Amino acid sequence: MNGMNVIIAAAEGANPLIPNWWEVIVTSAGFLVLMFVVVKFIAPALESSYTKRVDEIEGGLERAEKAQAEANAMMADYQQQLQDARAEAHQIREDAREEAAQIVSESRTRASEEATRINEQASVQIAAERQQAVTSLRAEVGTLATSLASKIVGEALDDDARSQRVVDRFLEDLENNEAAQGSTTSAGATE
């Protein structure tokens, strides 16, 4: 029908390039209604959707940055704890070494003291045994000397006091001979 109007208008002498005012008004009214609907309902919905999407993206970026910062803080904390643990382990090793050295030193000291004590006890025991042997030998030598002297002299030396004097004199002479020989030997060794 529209094509028909153009033909009729052309027949009446109307110019087809000049629009009909009623069509312009109706088209303009339709455009304004459409523009009103777009501005009133569609544009705010699009703007709201756009704003919501931007907020979600920015919030996601902020959350990601916050999570990254927390991860970095946790990593730094972990590295600090690891470094502290290593330092503590090193300190424990050093303390153990010092304690081991101290234990070894104390053990050596105790062993040295124990060896000294054992040597002193052995010296005391040897001196006591020597004294006992000397006493025992004196008694035996005295008995042998008395019996030998009795055989040589030809009379019995049964008197204990007399026999004791003879034994003591004999042992003194024996000790004097040993002392004289010891001093001669040591004098010869020094020359």
N, C-alpha and C. Protein backbone atom coordinates (compact mmCIF):
# COMPACT_ATOMS: atom_id res chain seq x y z
N MET A 1 0.80 -1.16 0.00
CA MET A 1 0.00 0.00 0.00
C MET A 1 0.86 1.24 0.00
N ASN A 2 1.84 1.15 0.51
CA ASN A 2 2.74 2.25 0.56
C ASN A 2 3.26 2.58 -0.83
N GLY A 3 3.59 1.54 -1.53
CA GLY A 3 4.02 1.73 -2.90
C GLY A 3 2.92 2.39 -3.71
N MET A 4 1.70 2.13 -3.38
CA MET A 4 0.57 2.69 -4.07
C MET A 4 0.46 4.18 -3.77
N ASN A 5 0.71 4.56 -2.60
CA ASN A 5 0.67 5.97 -2.24
C ASN A 5 1.73 6.75 -2.99
N VAL A 6 2.86 6.11 -3.17
CA VAL A 6 3.94 6.79 -3.89
C VAL A 6 3.50 6.99 -5.33
N ILE A 7 2.87 6.01 -5.87
CA ILE A 7 2.42 6.12 -7.26
C ILE A 7 1.35 7.19 -7.36
N ILE A 8 0.46 7.22 -6.38
CA ILE A 8 -0.61 8.21 -6.41
C ILE A 8 0.00 9.59 -6.21
N ALA A 9 0.93 9.68 -5.33
CA ALA A 9 1.54 10.97 -5.07
C ALA A 9 2.33 11.41 -6.27
N ALA A 10 2.93 10.51 -6.95
CA ALA A 10 3.69 10.86 -8.13
C ALA A 10 2.73 11.34 -9.21
N ALA A 11 1.59 10.74 -9.23
CA ALA A 11 0.61 11.13 -10.22
C ALA A 11 0.08 12.50 -9.88
N GLU A 12 -0.04 12.86 -8.69
CA GLU A 12 -0.58 14.14 -8.30
C GLU A 12 0.48 15.22 -8.42
N GLY A 13 1.69 14.80 -8.62
CA GLY A 13 2.74 15.77 -8.80
C GLY A 13 3.54 16.01 -7.54
N ALA A 14 3.39 15.14 -6.60
CA ALA A 14 4.15 15.29 -5.36
C ALA A 14 5.56 14.74 -5.55
N ASN A 15 6.48 15.34 -4.85
CA ASN A 15 7.89 14.94 -4.95
C ASN A 15 8.12 13.76 -3.98
N PRO A 16 8.66 12.63 -4.47
CA PRO A 16 8.84 11.48 -3.59
C PRO A 16 10.00 11.69 -2.59
N LEU A 17 10.83 12.64 -2.80
CA LEU A 17 11.95 12.87 -1.88
C LEU A 17 11.51 13.69 -0.67
N ILE A 18 10.45 14.35 -0.74
CA ILE A 18 9.97 15.12 0.39
C ILE A 18 8.98 14.23 1.13
N PRO A 19 9.26 13.99 2.41
CA PRO A 19 8.40 13.07 3.15
C PRO A 19 7.08 13.72 3.52
N ASN A 20 6.15 12.85 3.80
CA ASN A 20 4.83 13.26 4.23
C ASN A 20 4.95 13.63 5.71
N TRP A 21 4.32 14.78 6.08
CA TRP A 21 4.47 15.26 7.45
C TRP A 21 3.81 14.33 8.45
N TRP A 22 2.80 13.71 8.08
CA TRP A 22 2.15 12.77 9.00
C TRP A 22 3.05 11.57 9.25
N GLU A 23 3.73 11.14 8.28
CA GLU A 23 4.65 9.99 8.47
C GLU A 23 5.82 10.41 9.37
N VAL A 24 6.29 11.62 9.16
CA VAL A 24 7.40 12.12 9.99
C VAL A 24 6.94 12.23 11.43
N ILE A 25 5.76 12.71 11.67
CA ILE A 25 5.26 12.88 13.03
C ILE A 25 5.04 11.51 13.68
N VAL A 26 4.40 10.58 12.95
CA VAL A 26 4.14 9.25 13.50
C VAL A 26 5.48 8.53 13.76
N THR A 27 6.42 8.61 12.84
CA THR A 27 7.73 7.96 13.00
C THR A 27 8.48 8.61 14.16
N SER A 28 8.39 9.94 14.24
CA SER A 28 9.07 10.64 15.35
C SER A 28 8.44 10.25 16.68
N ALA A 29 7.13 10.13 16.75
CA ALA A 29 6.44 9.74 17.99
C ALA A 29 6.85 8.32 18.37
N GLY A 30 6.88 7.43 17.39
CA GLY A 30 7.30 6.04 17.65
C GLY A 30 8.76 6.00 18.13
N PHE A 31 9.61 6.82 17.49
CA PHE A 31 11.03 6.87 17.89
C PHE A 31 11.15 7.40 19.31
N LEU A 32 10.37 8.44 19.65
CA LEU A 32 10.43 9.00 21.00
C LEU A 32 9.94 7.99 22.04
N VAL A 33 8.87 7.24 21.70
CA VAL A 33 8.37 6.21 22.63
C VAL A 33 9.45 5.14 22.81
N LEU A 34 10.03 4.72 21.70
CA LEU A 34 11.08 3.70 21.76
C LEU A 34 12.28 4.25 22.57
N MET A 35 12.64 5.50 22.34
CA MET A 35 13.74 6.12 23.06
C MET A 35 13.42 6.20 24.55
N PHE A 36 12.17 6.57 24.88
CA PHE A 36 11.75 6.63 26.27
C PHE A 36 11.88 5.25 26.94
N VAL A 37 11.40 4.21 26.26
CA VAL A 37 11.48 2.85 26.81
C VAL A 37 12.95 2.45 27.00
N VAL A 38 13.79 2.75 26.02
CA VAL A 38 15.22 2.38 26.12
C VAL A 38 15.87 3.13 27.28
N VAL A 39 15.63 4.45 27.35
CA VAL A 39 16.27 5.25 28.40
C VAL A 39 15.71 4.89 29.78
N LYS A 40 14.42 4.66 29.87
CA LYS A 40 13.76 4.41 31.15
C LYS A 40 14.01 2.99 31.66
N PHE A 41 13.99 1.98 30.79
CA PHE A 41 14.03 0.59 31.27
C PHE A 41 15.29 -0.18 30.83
N ILE A 42 15.65 -0.09 29.58
CA ILE A 42 16.72 -0.93 29.05
C ILE A 42 18.09 -0.38 29.44
N ALA A 43 18.33 0.91 29.28
CA ALA A 43 19.63 1.51 29.59
C ALA A 43 19.97 1.34 31.08
N PRO A 44 19.03 1.61 32.03
CA PRO A 44 19.38 1.38 33.44
C PRO A 44 19.70 -0.10 33.73
N ALA A 45 18.94 -1.00 33.09
CA ALA A 45 19.22 -2.42 33.30
C ALA A 45 20.61 -2.77 32.76
N LEU A 46 20.96 -2.26 31.58
CA LEU A 46 22.28 -2.50 31.02
C LEU A 46 23.37 -1.86 31.90
N GLU A 47 23.09 -0.62 32.34
CA GLU A 47 24.05 0.08 33.20
C GLU A 47 24.23 -0.67 34.51
N SER A 48 23.14 -1.13 35.09
CA SER A 48 23.20 -1.90 36.33
C SER A 48 23.98 -3.20 36.12
N SER A 49 23.72 -3.87 35.03
CA SER A 49 24.43 -5.11 34.72
C SER A 49 25.92 -4.82 34.51
N TYR A 50 26.21 -3.74 33.81
CA TYR A 50 27.60 -3.35 33.55
C TYR A 50 28.31 -3.02 34.87
N THR A 51 27.64 -2.20 35.70
CA THR A 51 28.22 -1.83 36.99
C THR A 51 28.44 -3.06 37.87
N LYS A 52 27.47 -3.95 37.89
CA LYS A 52 27.58 -5.17 38.68
C LYS A 52 28.76 -6.02 38.19
N ARG A 53 28.89 -6.13 36.91
CA ARG A 53 29.98 -6.93 36.32
C ARG A 53 31.33 -6.29 36.64
N VAL A 54 31.42 -4.95 36.53
CA VAL A 54 32.66 -4.24 36.86
C VAL A 54 33.00 -4.46 38.33
N ASP A 55 32.00 -4.34 39.21
CA ASP A 55 32.23 -4.56 40.64
C ASP A 55 32.71 -5.99 40.92
N GLU A 56 32.10 -6.96 40.24
CA GLU A 56 32.51 -8.35 40.42
C GLU A 56 33.96 -8.55 39.97
N ILE A 57 34.30 -7.97 38.84
CA ILE A 57 35.67 -8.11 38.34
C ILE A 57 36.65 -7.42 39.27
N GLU A 58 36.33 -6.17 39.65
CA GLU A 58 37.22 -5.44 40.56
C GLU A 58 37.30 -6.14 41.91
N GLY A 59 36.15 -6.64 42.41
CA GLY A 59 36.15 -7.38 43.68
C GLY A 59 36.98 -8.66 43.56
N GLY A 60 36.86 -9.31 42.42
CA GLY A 60 37.66 -10.52 42.19
C GLY A 60 39.14 -10.20 42.16
N LEU A 61 39.48 -9.08 41.51
CA LEU A 61 40.88 -8.66 41.48
C LEU A 61 41.37 -8.30 42.87
N GLU A 62 40.54 -7.58 43.63
CA GLU A 62 40.92 -7.22 45.00
C GLU A 62 41.08 -8.47 45.86
N ARG A 63 40.12 -9.41 45.69
CA ARG A 63 40.23 -10.65 46.46
C ARG A 63 41.49 -11.42 46.06
N ALA A 64 41.77 -11.43 44.76
CA ALA A 64 42.97 -12.12 44.28
C ALA A 64 44.23 -11.45 44.84
N GLU A 65 44.25 -10.10 44.81
CA GLU A 65 45.40 -9.38 45.36
C GLU A 65 45.53 -9.61 46.85
N LYS A 66 44.39 -9.63 47.55
CA LYS A 66 44.40 -9.87 48.99
C LYS A 66 44.89 -11.30 49.27
N ALA A 67 44.39 -12.25 48.48
CA ALA A 67 44.83 -13.65 48.65
C ALA A 67 46.32 -13.77 48.35
N GLN A 68 46.78 -13.06 47.33
CA GLN A 68 48.20 -13.09 46.99
C GLN A 68 49.02 -12.48 48.13
N ALA A 69 48.54 -11.36 48.70
CA ALA A 69 49.26 -10.73 49.81
C ALA A 69 49.28 -11.67 51.02
N GLU A 70 48.16 -12.34 51.30
CA GLU A 70 48.12 -13.29 52.41
C GLU A 70 49.08 -14.45 52.14
N ALA A 71 49.09 -14.94 50.90
CA ALA A 71 49.99 -16.04 50.54
C ALA A 71 51.45 -15.60 50.71
N ASN A 72 51.75 -14.37 50.28
CA ASN A 72 53.11 -13.86 50.45
C ASN A 72 53.47 -13.73 51.94
N ALA A 73 52.51 -13.24 52.73
CA ALA A 73 52.74 -13.11 54.18
C ALA A 73 52.95 -14.48 54.82
N MET A 74 52.13 -15.45 54.40
CA MET A 74 52.27 -16.80 54.94
C MET A 74 53.62 -17.40 54.52
N MET A 75 54.03 -17.13 53.29
CA MET A 75 55.31 -17.65 52.81
C MET A 75 56.46 -17.02 53.59
N ALA A 76 56.37 -15.71 53.83
CA ALA A 76 57.40 -15.03 54.61
C ALA A 76 57.43 -15.59 56.04
N ASP A 77 56.24 -15.80 56.61
CA ASP A 77 56.15 -16.37 57.95
C ASP A 77 56.73 -17.78 57.97
N TYR A 78 56.41 -18.56 56.97
CA TYR A 78 56.94 -19.94 56.87
C TYR A 78 58.46 -19.91 56.75
N GLN A 79 58.98 -19.02 55.90
CA GLN A 79 60.43 -18.92 55.74
C GLN A 79 61.09 -18.47 57.05
N GLN A 80 60.45 -17.55 57.76
CA GLN A 80 60.99 -17.10 59.04
C GLN A 80 60.99 -18.24 60.05
N GLN A 81 59.89 -19.00 60.09
CA GLN A 81 59.83 -20.15 61.00
C GLN A 81 60.89 -21.18 60.62
N LEU A 82 61.07 -21.40 59.33
CA LEU A 82 62.08 -22.35 58.87
C LEU A 82 63.47 -21.86 59.26
N GLN A 83 63.73 -20.58 59.09
CA GLN A 83 65.02 -20.02 59.48
C GLN A 83 65.22 -20.12 60.99
N ASP A 84 64.16 -19.83 61.76
CA ASP A 84 64.24 -19.96 63.22
C ASP A 84 64.50 -21.41 63.62
N ALA A 85 63.83 -22.34 62.95
CA ALA A 85 64.03 -23.76 63.25
C ALA A 85 65.46 -24.18 62.94
N ARG A 86 65.99 -23.69 61.83
CA ARG A 86 67.38 -24.02 61.49
C ARG A 86 68.34 -23.43 62.52
N ALA A 87 68.09 -22.20 62.93
CA ALA A 87 68.95 -21.57 63.94
C ALA A 87 68.85 -22.33 65.25
N GLU A 88 67.64 -22.73 65.61
CA GLU A 88 67.45 -23.49 66.86
C GLU A 88 68.15 -24.85 66.77
N ALA A 89 68.04 -25.51 65.62
CA ALA A 89 68.72 -26.80 65.44
C ALA A 89 70.23 -26.62 65.53
N HIS A 90 70.74 -25.54 64.94
CA HIS A 90 72.18 -25.25 65.03
C HIS A 90 72.59 -25.02 66.48
N GLN A 91 71.77 -24.26 67.20
CA GLN A 91 72.06 -23.98 68.61
C GLN A 91 72.03 -25.27 69.43
N ILE A 92 71.07 -26.15 69.14
CA ILE A 92 70.98 -27.42 69.86
C ILE A 92 72.22 -28.26 69.58
N ARG A 93 72.67 -28.28 68.31
CA ARG A 93 73.87 -29.04 67.97
C ARG A 93 75.08 -28.47 68.72
N GLU A 94 75.20 -27.15 68.75
CA GLU A 94 76.32 -26.52 69.45
C GLU A 94 76.27 -26.83 70.95
N ASP A 95 75.07 -26.75 71.53
CA ASP A 95 74.92 -27.07 72.95
C ASP A 95 75.30 -28.52 73.21
N ALA A 96 74.87 -29.41 72.31
CA ALA A 96 75.19 -30.84 72.47
C ALA A 96 76.70 -31.06 72.37
N ARG A 97 77.36 -30.36 71.45
CA ARG A 97 78.82 -30.49 71.33
C ARG A 97 79.51 -30.01 72.61
N GLU A 98 79.05 -28.85 73.10
CA GLU A 98 79.65 -28.32 74.32
C GLU A 98 79.41 -29.26 75.49
N GLU A 99 78.19 -29.79 75.58
CA GLU A 99 77.87 -30.72 76.66
C GLU A 99 78.71 -32.00 76.53
N ALA A 100 78.87 -32.49 75.31
CA ALA A 100 79.69 -33.68 75.09
C ALA A 100 81.14 -33.41 75.49
N ALA A 101 81.66 -32.25 75.11
CA ALA A 101 83.03 -31.89 75.49
C ALA A 101 83.16 -31.79 77.01
N GLN A 102 82.16 -31.23 77.65
CA GLN A 102 82.18 -31.11 79.10
C GLN A 102 82.12 -32.49 79.75
N ILE A 103 81.27 -33.37 79.21
CA ILE A 103 81.16 -34.73 79.76
C ILE A 103 82.49 -35.47 79.59
N VAL A 104 83.10 -35.32 78.41
CA VAL A 104 84.40 -35.97 78.17
C VAL A 104 85.44 -35.43 79.14
N SER A 105 85.45 -34.11 79.32
CA SER A 105 86.40 -33.49 80.24
C SER A 105 86.18 -33.98 81.67
N GLU A 106 84.92 -34.02 82.09
CA GLU A 106 84.61 -34.50 83.44
C GLU A 106 85.00 -35.97 83.58
N SER A 107 84.73 -36.76 82.54
CA SER A 107 85.09 -38.18 82.59
C SER A 107 86.60 -38.35 82.69
N ARG A 108 87.34 -37.56 81.93
CA ARG A 108 88.80 -37.64 82.00
C ARG A 108 89.29 -37.24 83.39
N THR A 109 88.70 -36.19 83.94
CA THR A 109 89.09 -35.73 85.26
C THR A 109 88.80 -36.82 86.30
N ARG A 110 87.60 -37.41 86.23
CA ARG A 110 87.24 -38.48 87.16
C ARG A 110 88.16 -39.68 86.99
N ALA A 111 88.45 -40.02 85.73
CA ALA A 111 89.34 -41.16 85.47
C ALA A 111 90.73 -40.88 86.01
N SER A 112 91.20 -39.65 85.82
CA SER A 112 92.52 -39.27 86.35
C SER A 112 92.52 -39.34 87.87
N GLU A 113 91.47 -38.80 88.49
CA GLU A 113 91.37 -38.84 89.95
C GLU A 113 91.29 -40.29 90.45
N GLU A 114 90.51 -41.11 89.74
CA GLU A 114 90.38 -42.52 90.12
C GLU A 114 91.73 -43.23 89.97
N ALA A 115 92.45 -42.95 88.88
CA ALA A 115 93.77 -43.56 88.69
C ALA A 115 94.73 -43.12 89.79
N THR A 116 94.69 -41.85 90.15
CA THR A 116 95.54 -41.34 91.23
C THR A 116 95.19 -42.03 92.55
N ARG A 117 93.88 -42.15 92.81
CA ARG A 117 93.43 -42.81 94.04
C ARG A 117 93.88 -44.27 94.06
N ILE A 118 93.73 -44.96 92.94
CA ILE A 118 94.13 -46.36 92.85
C ILE A 118 95.64 -46.48 93.05
N ASN A 119 96.41 -45.57 92.43
CA ASN A 119 97.88 -45.58 92.61
C ASN A 119 98.25 -45.36 94.07
N GLU A 120 97.57 -44.40 94.72
CA GLU A 120 97.86 -44.14 96.12
C GLU A 120 97.52 -45.34 96.98
N GLN A 121 96.36 -45.96 96.71
CA GLN A 121 95.97 -47.16 97.46
C GLN A 121 96.98 -48.28 97.23
N ALA A 122 97.39 -48.42 95.96
CA ALA A 122 98.37 -49.47 95.65
C ALA A 122 99.68 -49.18 96.35
N SER A 123 100.10 -47.91 96.37
CA SER A 123 101.35 -47.55 97.06
C SER A 123 101.24 -47.85 98.54
N VAL A 124 100.10 -47.49 99.14
CA VAL A 124 99.89 -47.75 100.57
C VAL A 124 99.88 -49.25 100.82
N GLN A 125 99.20 -49.99 99.95
CA GLN A 125 99.11 -51.43 100.11
C GLN A 125 100.49 -52.08 99.92
N ILE A 126 101.23 -51.60 98.94
CA ILE A 126 102.58 -52.15 98.70
C ILE A 126 103.47 -51.85 99.90
N ALA A 127 103.38 -50.64 100.43
CA ALA A 127 104.19 -50.28 101.61
C ALA A 127 103.80 -51.15 102.79
N ALA A 128 102.49 -51.39 102.98
CA ALA A 128 102.05 -52.22 104.09
C ALA A 128 102.52 -53.66 103.90
N GLU A 129 102.40 -54.16 102.66
CA GLU A 129 102.85 -55.53 102.39
C GLU A 129 104.37 -55.65 102.55
N ARG A 130 105.07 -54.61 102.14
CA ARG A 130 106.53 -54.61 102.29
C ARG A 130 106.91 -54.63 103.76
N GLN A 131 106.21 -53.77 104.53
CA GLN A 131 106.48 -53.74 105.96
C GLN A 131 106.18 -55.09 106.59
N GLN A 132 105.07 -55.69 106.16
CA GLN A 132 104.70 -57.01 106.68
C GLN A 132 105.75 -58.05 106.28
N ALA A 133 106.22 -57.97 105.01
CA ALA A 133 107.25 -58.92 104.56
C ALA A 133 108.55 -58.72 105.34
N VAL A 134 108.92 -57.44 105.58
CA VAL A 134 110.13 -57.15 106.34
C VAL A 134 110.00 -57.72 107.75
N THR A 135 108.86 -57.53 108.36
CA THR A 135 108.62 -58.04 109.71
C THR A 135 108.68 -59.56 109.73
N SER A 136 108.02 -60.15 108.72
CA SER A 136 108.03 -61.62 108.64
C SER A 136 109.43 -62.14 108.39
N LEU A 137 110.16 -61.48 107.47
CA LEU A 137 111.53 -61.89 107.18
C LEU A 137 112.42 -61.72 108.41
N ARG A 138 112.24 -60.66 109.17
CA ARG A 138 113.02 -60.44 110.38
C ARG A 138 112.81 -61.59 111.36
N ALA A 139 111.52 -61.95 111.47
CA ALA A 139 111.25 -63.05 112.40
C ALA A 139 111.91 -64.33 111.92
N GLU A 140 111.80 -64.61 110.65
CA GLU A 140 112.40 -65.84 110.11
C GLU A 140 113.92 -65.77 110.15
N VAL A 141 114.45 -64.59 109.73
CA VAL A 141 115.91 -64.42 109.75
C VAL A 141 116.41 -64.52 111.19
N GLY A 142 115.63 -63.95 112.10
CA GLY A 142 116.01 -64.03 113.52
C GLY A 142 116.06 -65.48 114.00
N THR A 143 115.08 -66.24 113.64
CA THR A 143 115.04 -67.65 114.04
C THR A 143 116.19 -68.40 113.40
N LEU A 144 116.41 -68.15 112.11
CA LEU A 144 117.51 -68.82 111.40
C LEU A 144 118.86 -68.37 111.96
N ALA A 145 118.99 -67.08 112.24
CA ALA A 145 120.25 -66.55 112.76
C ALA A 145 120.52 -67.12 114.15
N THR A 146 119.50 -67.23 114.98
CA THR A 146 119.66 -67.79 116.32
C THR A 146 120.08 -69.25 116.23
N SER A 147 119.41 -69.94 115.36
CA SER A 147 119.74 -71.37 115.23
C SER A 147 121.13 -71.54 114.65
N LEU A 148 121.51 -70.68 113.67
CA LEU A 148 122.84 -70.75 113.09
C LEU A 148 123.89 -70.35 114.12
N ALA A 149 123.61 -69.30 114.84
CA ALA A 149 124.55 -68.84 115.87
C ALA A 149 124.70 -69.90 116.95
N SER A 150 123.62 -70.57 117.28
CA SER A 150 123.69 -71.62 118.30
C SER A 150 124.59 -72.74 117.82
N LYS A 151 124.49 -73.07 116.56
CA LYS A 151 125.32 -74.14 116.02
C LYS A 151 126.77 -73.70 115.94
N ILE A 152 127.01 -72.41 115.59
CA ILE A 152 128.37 -71.92 115.46
C ILE A 152 129.00 -71.77 116.84
N VAL A 153 128.32 -71.16 117.75
CA VAL A 153 128.85 -70.89 119.07
C VAL A 153 128.89 -72.18 119.90
N GLY A 154 127.98 -73.00 119.67
CA GLY A 154 127.95 -74.26 120.37
C GLY A 154 127.16 -74.21 121.65
N GLU A 155 126.48 -73.18 121.91
CA GLU A 155 125.63 -73.14 123.09
C GLU A 155 124.24 -72.68 122.67
N ALA A 156 123.30 -73.02 123.44
CA ALA A 156 121.91 -72.71 123.12
C ALA A 156 121.62 -71.25 123.44
N LEU A 157 120.96 -70.62 122.51
CA LEU A 157 120.56 -69.23 122.72
C LEU A 157 119.05 -69.20 122.91
N ASP A 158 118.64 -69.82 123.97
CA ASP A 158 117.21 -69.92 124.21
C ASP A 158 116.65 -68.67 124.88
N ASP A 159 117.52 -67.90 125.47
CA ASP A 159 117.06 -66.69 126.12
C ASP A 159 116.54 -65.74 125.03
N ASP A 160 115.26 -65.39 125.10
CA ASP A 160 114.62 -64.58 124.07
C ASP A 160 115.22 -63.19 123.97
N ALA A 161 115.54 -62.59 125.06
CA ALA A 161 116.10 -61.24 125.03
C ALA A 161 117.46 -61.25 124.38
N ARG A 162 118.28 -62.22 124.72
CA ARG A 162 119.61 -62.32 124.15
C ARG A 162 119.50 -62.63 122.66
N SER A 163 118.64 -63.57 122.32
CA SER A 163 118.50 -63.93 120.91
C SER A 163 117.95 -62.74 120.11
N GLN A 164 117.09 -61.95 120.70
CA GLN A 164 116.54 -60.77 120.02
C GLN A 164 117.64 -59.77 119.77
N ARG A 165 118.55 -59.58 120.72
CA ARG A 165 119.67 -58.65 120.56
C ARG A 165 120.60 -59.12 119.45
N VAL A 166 120.85 -60.40 119.39
CA VAL A 166 121.72 -60.95 118.36
C VAL A 166 121.08 -60.74 116.99
N VAL A 167 119.79 -61.00 116.88
CA VAL A 167 119.08 -60.84 115.60
C VAL A 167 119.08 -59.38 115.18
N ASP A 168 118.81 -58.49 116.12
CA ASP A 168 118.78 -57.06 115.78
C ASP A 168 120.15 -56.59 115.31
N ARG A 169 121.20 -57.02 116.00
CA ARG A 169 122.55 -56.65 115.60
C ARG A 169 122.88 -57.18 114.22
N PHE A 170 122.49 -58.41 113.97
CA PHE A 170 122.73 -59.02 112.65
C PHE A 170 122.00 -58.25 111.55
N LEU A 171 120.74 -57.89 111.80
CA LEU A 171 119.97 -57.16 110.79
C LEU A 171 120.52 -55.75 110.57
N GLU A 172 121.00 -55.10 111.67
CA GLU A 172 121.59 -53.78 111.52
C GLU A 172 122.85 -53.85 110.67
N ASP A 173 123.66 -54.86 110.92
CA ASP A 173 124.87 -55.04 110.11
C ASP A 173 124.50 -55.28 108.65
N LEU A 174 123.47 -56.07 108.45
CA LEU A 174 123.02 -56.38 107.09
C LEU A 174 122.51 -55.12 106.39
N GLU A 175 121.72 -54.32 107.10
CA GLU A 175 121.20 -53.07 106.52
C GLU A 175 122.31 -52.09 106.26
N ASN A 176 123.31 -52.00 107.16
CA ASN A 176 124.45 -51.10 106.96
C ASN A 176 125.25 -51.51 105.74
N ASN A 177 125.45 -52.82 105.56
CA ASN A 177 126.16 -53.32 104.38
C ASN A 177 125.39 -52.97 103.09
N GLU A 178 124.06 -53.12 103.13
CA GLU A 178 123.23 -52.79 101.95
C GLU A 178 123.29 -51.30 101.67
N ALA A 179 123.23 -50.47 102.71
CA ALA A 179 123.28 -49.02 102.53
C ALA A 179 124.62 -48.60 101.97
N ALA A 180 125.69 -49.22 102.45
CA ALA A 180 127.03 -48.89 101.97
C ALA A 180 127.18 -49.30 100.52
N GLN A 181 126.67 -50.46 100.18
CA GLN A 181 126.74 -50.91 98.78
C GLN A 181 125.87 -50.01 97.88
N GLY A 182 124.68 -49.59 98.36
CA GLY A 182 123.80 -48.71 97.59
C GLY A 182 124.42 -47.37 97.35
N SER A 183 125.15 -46.78 98.35
CA SER A 183 125.78 -45.49 98.16
C SER A 183 126.97 -45.61 97.25
N THR A 184 127.68 -46.73 97.28
CA THR A 184 128.81 -46.94 96.39
C THR A 184 128.31 -47.08 94.96
N THR A 185 127.22 -47.81 94.79
CA THR A 185 126.64 -48.02 93.46
C THR A 185 126.12 -46.69 92.89
N SER A 186 125.44 -45.91 93.70
CA SER A 186 124.90 -44.66 93.20
C SER A 186 126.01 -43.65 92.97
N ALA A 187 127.10 -43.68 93.76
CA ALA A 187 128.23 -42.79 93.53
C ALA A 187 128.93 -43.16 92.27
N GLY A 188 129.06 -44.47 91.99
CA GLY A 188 129.67 -44.92 90.74
C GLY A 188 128.82 -44.57 89.54
N ALA A 189 127.51 -44.56 89.71
CA ALA A 189 126.61 -44.25 88.60
C ALA A 189 126.66 -42.77 88.27
N THR A 190 126.88 -41.90 89.26
CA THR A 190 126.92 -40.47 88.99
C THR A 190 128.22 -40.05 88.37
N GLU A 191 129.30 -40.82 88.58
CA GLU A 191 130.58 -40.45 88.01
C GLU A 191 130.57 -40.75 86.60
